[in-house]
């Protein structure tokens, strides 16, 4: 039996900045070596284009690693887990009362899996990743707004820990070993 929705991926969408054929071949080989040295974690995320085409260059790779993986997702996960570890003996605090910002963030946590799963089922991996990055950015904004370093807001930390759990699950198809 043949698959109902086969997923095909073409490298035609990568743009090599109007290089000559020999320069393109060199760039592809060089970037392939870089991807191998970084491992599957990064190359899976980088290989999914954003928008109509992909800028396949070392600069784009570094920009994506530093901007999306480190500054956005890594920052949110580190802030949340290190704060809980340092201030609550590594135990996620129980939630308290929800005010508007917490209720809004809790709604985002409840909806993110459905939104990402819709894109994954339709093989729109770039949109799925965009949703994940936006969700992580919302987590960073919520954490910053609630200022748990001043308030020790248990609800904030409870929700952020749940958001980190959601991120780990959602990122598994893209960076499996890091999502563990």
C-alpha atoms as a PDB file:
ATOM      1  CA  UNK A   1       0.000   0.000   0.000  1.00  0.00           C
ATOM      2  CA  UNK A   2       1.334   3.434  -0.918  1.00  0.00           C
ATOM      3  CA  UNK A   3       1.349   6.317   1.561  1.00  0.00           C
ATOM      4  CA  UNK A   4      -1.606   8.684   1.347  1.00  0.00           C
ATOM      5  CA  UNK A   5       0.454  11.837   1.948  1.00  0.00           C
ATOM      6  CA  UNK A   6       4.000  11.275   0.761  1.00  0.00           C
ATOM      7  CA  UNK A   7       6.449  13.910   1.948  1.00  0.00           C
ATOM      8  CA  UNK A   8       8.946  15.052  -0.649  1.00  0.00           C
ATOM      9  CA  UNK A   9      11.769  17.449   0.001  1.00  0.00           C
ATOM     10  CA  UNK A  10      13.819  19.140  -2.640  1.00  0.00           C
ATOM     11  CA  UNK A  11      17.035  21.084  -2.340  1.00  0.00           C
ATOM     12  CA  UNK A  12      15.808  23.392  -5.096  1.00  0.00           C
ATOM     13  CA  UNK A  13      14.695  25.943  -2.509  1.00  0.00           C
ATOM     14  CA  UNK A  14      18.218  26.712  -1.306  1.00  0.00           C
ATOM     15  CA  UNK A  15      19.686  29.914  -2.659  1.00  0.00           C
ATOM     16  CA  UNK A  16      23.425  30.183  -2.986  1.00  0.00           C
ATOM     17  CA  UNK A  17      23.548  33.938  -3.510  1.00  0.00           C
ATOM     18  CA  UNK A  18      24.018  33.926  -7.295  1.00  0.00           C
ATOM     19  CA  UNK A  19      27.305  32.021  -7.212  1.00  0.00           C
ATOM     20  CA  UNK A  20      28.831  30.325 -10.237  1.00  0.00           C
ATOM     21  CA  UNK A  21      28.344  26.550 -10.565  1.00  0.00           C
ATOM     22  CA  UNK A  22      31.814  25.752  -9.237  1.00  0.00           C
ATOM     23  CA  UNK A  23      31.363  28.183  -6.332  1.00  0.00           C
ATOM     24  CA  UNK A  24      27.995  26.620  -5.546  1.00  0.00           C
ATOM     25  CA  UNK A  25      29.527  23.142  -5.496  1.00  0.00           C
ATOM     26  CA  UNK A  26      32.259  24.374  -3.150  1.00  0.00           C
ATOM     27  CA  UNK A  27      29.706  26.067  -0.838  1.00  0.00           C
ATOM     28  CA  UNK A  28      27.540  22.957  -0.694  1.00  0.00           C
ATOM     29  CA  UNK A  29      30.542  20.780   0.149  1.00  0.00           C
ATOM     30  CA  UNK A  30      31.831  23.239   2.776  1.00  0.00           C
ATOM     31  CA  UNK A  31      28.419  23.613   4.408  1.00  0.00           C
ATOM     32  CA  UNK A  32      27.942  19.846   4.324  1.00  0.00           C
ATOM     33  CA  UNK A  33      31.187  19.475   6.305  1.00  0.00           C
ATOM     34  CA  UNK A  34      30.027  22.124   8.789  1.00  0.00           C
ATOM     35  CA  UNK A  35      26.681  20.365   9.242  1.00  0.00           C
ATOM     36  CA  UNK A  36      28.427  17.031   9.827  1.00  0.00           C
ATOM     37  CA  UNK A  37      30.705  18.573  12.439  1.00  0.00           C
ATOM     38  CA  UNK A  38      27.717  20.073  14.282  1.00  0.00           C
ATOM     39  CA  UNK A  39      25.706  16.882  14.083  1.00  0.00           C
ATOM     40  CA  UNK A  40      22.101  16.087  13.346  1.00  0.00           C
ATOM     41  CA  UNK A  41      20.781  18.378  16.080  1.00  0.00           C
ATOM     42  CA  UNK A  42      21.532  21.547  14.195  1.00  0.00           C
ATOM     43  CA  UNK A  43      21.337  20.260  10.656  1.00  0.00           C
ATOM     44  CA  UNK A  44      17.702  19.144  11.027  1.00  0.00           C
ATOM     45  CA  UNK A  45      16.629  22.598  12.138  1.00  0.00           C
ATOM     46  CA  UNK A  46      18.759  24.376   9.557  1.00  0.00           C
ATOM     47  CA  UNK A  47      17.666  22.166   6.684  1.00  0.00           C
ATOM     48  CA  UNK A  48      14.076  23.340   7.002  1.00  0.00           C
ATOM     49  CA  UNK A  49      13.707  26.527   4.976  1.00  0.00           C
ATOM     50  CA  UNK A  50      11.819  29.548   6.210  1.00  0.00           C
ATOM     51  CA  UNK A  51       9.782  31.404   3.630  1.00  0.00           C
ATOM     52  CA  UNK A  52       9.910  30.719  -0.094  1.00  0.00           C
ATOM     53  CA  UNK A  53      13.594  29.851  -0.225  1.00  0.00           C
ATOM     54  CA  UNK A  54      16.495  29.073   2.059  1.00  0.00           C
ATOM     55  CA  UNK A  55      19.710  31.023   2.338  1.00  0.00           C
ATOM     56  CA  UNK A  56      22.155  28.159   2.570  1.00  0.00           C
ATOM     57  CA  UNK A  57      25.273  29.796   3.967  1.00  0.00           C
ATOM     58  CA  UNK A  58      27.528  29.631   6.972  1.00  0.00           C
ATOM     59  CA  UNK A  59      26.230  33.043   8.091  1.00  0.00           C
ATOM     60  CA  UNK A  60      22.627  31.821   7.948  1.00  0.00           C
ATOM     61  CA  UNK A  61      23.563  28.703   9.914  1.00  0.00           C
ATOM     62  CA  UNK A  62      25.256  30.756  12.651  1.00  0.00           C
ATOM     63  CA  UNK A  63      22.372  33.248  12.696  1.00  0.00           C
ATOM     64  CA  UNK A  64      19.831  30.457  13.143  1.00  0.00           C
ATOM     65  CA  UNK A  65      21.847  28.695  15.855  1.00  0.00           C
ATOM     66  CA  UNK A  66      22.536  31.869  17.823  1.00  0.00           C
ATOM     67  CA  UNK A  67      19.183  33.549  17.280  1.00  0.00           C
ATOM     68  CA  UNK A  68      16.598  30.832  17.379  1.00  0.00           C
ATOM     69  CA  UNK A  69      18.157  27.927  19.234  1.00  0.00           C
ATOM     70  CA  UNK A  70      20.390  29.698  21.751  1.00  0.00           C
ATOM     71  CA  UNK A  71      18.934  33.160  22.385  1.00  0.00           C
ATOM     72  CA  UNK A  72      15.295  32.136  22.192  1.00  0.00           C
ATOM     73  CA  UNK A  73      14.740  28.513  23.190  1.00  0.00           C
ATOM     74  CA  UNK A  74      17.957  27.931  25.141  1.00  0.00           C
ATOM     75  CA  UNK A  75      17.520  31.153  27.079  1.00  0.00           C
ATOM     76  CA  UNK A  76      13.948  30.341  28.090  1.00  0.00           C
ATOM     77  CA  UNK A  77      14.769  26.799  29.163  1.00  0.00           C
ATOM     78  CA  UNK A  78      17.879  27.885  31.092  1.00  0.00           C
ATOM     79  CA  UNK A  79      16.126  30.754  32.868  1.00  0.00           C
ATOM     80  CA  UNK A  80      13.215  28.589  33.915  1.00  0.00           C
ATOM     81  CA  UNK A  81      15.096  25.503  35.067  1.00  0.00           C
ATOM     82  CA  UNK A  82      17.978  27.296  36.761  1.00  0.00           C
ATOM     83  CA  UNK A  83      15.579  29.566  38.660  1.00  0.00           C
ATOM     84  CA  UNK A  84      13.534  26.595  39.882  1.00  0.00           C
ATOM     85  CA  UNK A  85      16.705  24.700  40.786  1.00  0.00           C
ATOM     86  CA  UNK A  86      18.242  27.624  42.680  1.00  0.00           C
ATOM     87  CA  UNK A  87      15.117  28.875  44.451  1.00  0.00           C
ATOM     88  CA  UNK A  88      12.890  25.832  44.899  1.00  0.00           C
ATOM     89  CA  UNK A  89      15.421  23.016  45.373  1.00  0.00           C
ATOM     90  CA  UNK A  90      14.783  21.819  41.830  1.00  0.00           C
ATOM     91  CA  UNK A  91      11.112  21.097  42.494  1.00  0.00           C
ATOM     92  CA  UNK A  92       8.458  22.714  40.353  1.00  0.00           C
ATOM     93  CA  UNK A  93       6.297  24.827  42.668  1.00  0.00           C
ATOM     94  CA  UNK A  94       2.540  24.349  42.798  1.00  0.00           C
ATOM     95  CA  UNK A  95       0.509  26.857  40.886  1.00  0.00           C
ATOM     96  CA  UNK A  96      -1.283  29.686  42.628  1.00  0.00           C
ATOM     97  CA  UNK A  97      -4.006  31.985  41.381  1.00  0.00           C
ATOM     98  CA  UNK A  98      -4.031  32.964  37.725  1.00  0.00           C
ATOM     99  CA  UNK A  99      -4.241  36.608  36.801  1.00  0.00           C
ATOM    100  CA  UNK A 100      -4.703  37.670  33.148  1.00  0.00           C
ATOM    101  CA  UNK A 101      -1.079  37.230  31.977  1.00  0.00           C
ATOM    102  CA  UNK A 102      -0.878  33.766  33.535  1.00  0.00           C
ATOM    103  CA  UNK A 103      -4.244  32.718  32.111  1.00  0.00           C
ATOM    104  CA  UNK A 104      -3.164  33.905  28.652  1.00  0.00           C
ATOM    105  CA  UNK A 105       0.136  32.011  28.847  1.00  0.00           C
ATOM    106  CA  UNK A 106      -1.607  28.876  30.139  1.00  0.00           C
ATOM    107  CA  UNK A 107      -3.918  29.060  27.106  1.00  0.00           C
ATOM    108  CA  UNK A 108      -0.884  29.207  24.807  1.00  0.00           C
ATOM    109  CA  UNK A 109       0.558  26.126  26.512  1.00  0.00           C
ATOM    110  CA  UNK A 110      -2.727  24.248  26.002  1.00  0.00           C
ATOM    111  CA  UNK A 111      -2.961  25.209  22.309  1.00  0.00           C
ATOM    112  CA  UNK A 112       0.649  24.880  21.114  1.00  0.00           C
ATOM    113  CA  UNK A 113       0.620  21.105  20.584  1.00  0.00           C
ATOM    114  CA  UNK A 114      -2.520  21.286  18.439  1.00  0.00           C
ATOM    115  CA  UNK A 115      -1.101  24.150  16.349  1.00  0.00           C
ATOM    116  CA  UNK A 116       2.264  22.464  15.747  1.00  0.00           C
ATOM    117  CA  UNK A 117       0.660  19.101  15.111  1.00  0.00           C
ATOM    118  CA  UNK A 118      -1.563  20.622  12.406  1.00  0.00           C
ATOM    119  CA  UNK A 119       1.520  21.858  10.534  1.00  0.00           C
ATOM    120  CA  UNK A 120       3.421  18.602  11.051  1.00  0.00           C
ATOM    121  CA  UNK A 121       0.525  16.543   9.678  1.00  0.00           C
ATOM    122  CA  UNK A 122       0.502  18.745   6.584  1.00  0.00           C
ATOM    123  CA  UNK A 123       4.302  18.515   6.173  1.00  0.00           C
ATOM    124  CA  UNK A 124       4.684  22.251   6.801  1.00  0.00           C
ATOM    125  CA  UNK A 125       7.737  21.831   8.983  1.00  0.00           C
ATOM    126  CA  UNK A 126       8.863  25.432   8.567  1.00  0.00           C
ATOM    127  CA  UNK A 127       5.536  26.651   9.967  1.00  0.00           C
ATOM    128  CA  UNK A 128       5.715  24.119  12.800  1.00  0.00           C
ATOM    129  CA  UNK A 129       9.152  25.419  13.775  1.00  0.00           C
ATOM    130  CA  UNK A 130       7.967  29.016  13.512  1.00  0.00           C
ATOM    131  CA  UNK A 131       5.149  28.206  15.946  1.00  0.00           C
ATOM    132  CA  UNK A 132       7.644  26.622  18.341  1.00  0.00           C
ATOM    133  CA  UNK A 133       9.962  29.635  18.152  1.00  0.00           C
ATOM    134  CA  UNK A 134       7.047  32.033  18.713  1.00  0.00           C
ATOM    135  CA  UNK A 135       5.881  29.955  21.686  1.00  0.00           C
ATOM    136  CA  UNK A 136       9.339  30.060  23.243  1.00  0.00           C
ATOM    137  CA  UNK A 137       9.532  33.832  22.662  1.00  0.00           C
ATOM    138  CA  UNK A 138       6.153  34.189  24.411  1.00  0.00           C
ATOM    139  CA  UNK A 139       7.578  32.190  27.319  1.00  0.00           C
ATOM    140  CA  UNK A 140      10.567  34.530  27.535  1.00  0.00           C
ATOM    141  CA  UNK A 141       8.256  37.555  27.494  1.00  0.00           C
ATOM    142  CA  UNK A 142       6.006  36.076  30.171  1.00  0.00           C
ATOM    143  CA  UNK A 143       9.003  35.236  32.390  1.00  0.00           C
ATOM    144  CA  UNK A 144      10.371  38.762  31.965  1.00  0.00           C
ATOM    145  CA  UNK A 145       6.987  40.371  32.630  1.00  0.00           C
ATOM    146  CA  UNK A 146       6.342  38.350  35.799  1.00  0.00           C
ATOM    147  CA  UNK A 147       9.850  38.994  37.240  1.00  0.00           C
ATOM    148  CA  UNK A 148      10.010  35.867  39.427  1.00  0.00           C
ATOM    149  CA  UNK A 149      13.475  36.900  40.656  1.00  0.00           C
ATOM    150  CA  UNK A 150      11.681  39.707  42.539  1.00  0.00           C
ATOM    151  CA  UNK A 151       8.297  38.159  43.236  1.00  0.00           C
ATOM    152  CA  UNK A 152       9.080  34.411  43.557  1.00  0.00           C
ATOM    153  CA  UNK A 153       5.817  33.948  41.632  1.00  0.00           C
ATOM    154  CA  UNK A 154       5.092  30.223  41.883  1.00  0.00           C
ATOM    155  CA  UNK A 155       2.407  30.282  39.203  1.00  0.00           C
ATOM    156  CA  UNK A 156       4.855  31.825  36.744  1.00  0.00           C
ATOM    157  CA  UNK A 157       7.416  29.112  37.412  1.00  0.00           C
ATOM    158  CA  UNK A 158       4.803  26.359  37.307  1.00  0.00           C
ATOM    159  CA  UNK A 159       3.610  27.544  33.895  1.00  0.00           C
ATOM    160  CA  UNK A 160       7.128  28.083  32.565  1.00  0.00           C
ATOM    161  CA  UNK A 161       8.141  24.566  33.646  1.00  0.00           C
ATOM    162  CA  UNK A 162       5.116  23.205  31.757  1.00  0.00           C
ATOM    163  CA  UNK A 163       6.088  25.293  28.727  1.00  0.00           C
ATOM    164  CA  UNK A 164       9.617  23.814  28.880  1.00  0.00           C
ATOM    165  CA  UNK A 165       8.087  20.320  28.956  1.00  0.00           C
ATOM    166  CA  UNK A 166       5.967  21.203  25.926  1.00  0.00           C
ATOM    167  CA  UNK A 167       9.026  22.545  24.093  1.00  0.00           C
ATOM    168  CA  UNK A 168      10.935  19.319  24.750  1.00  0.00           C
ATOM    169  CA  UNK A 169       8.110  17.271  23.258  1.00  0.00           C
ATOM    170  CA  UNK A 170       7.582  19.587  20.283  1.00  0.00           C
ATOM    171  CA  UNK A 171      11.295  19.800  19.451  1.00  0.00           C
ATOM    172  CA  UNK A 172      11.878  16.042  19.540  1.00  0.00           C
ATOM    173  CA  UNK A 173      11.301  15.534  15.783  1.00  0.00           C
ATOM    174  CA  UNK A 174      13.775  18.313  14.987  1.00  0.00           C
ATOM    175  CA  UNK A 175      16.503  17.904  17.622  1.00  0.00           C
ATOM    176  CA  UNK A 176      15.869  14.501  19.225  1.00  0.00           C
ATOM    177  CA  UNK A 177      18.962  14.141  21.397  1.00  0.00           C
ATOM    178  CA  UNK A 178      18.745  17.730  22.698  1.00  0.00           C
ATOM    179  CA  UNK A 179      15.027  17.363  23.458  1.00  0.00           C
ATOM    180  CA  UNK A 180      15.740  14.497  25.850  1.00  0.00           C
END
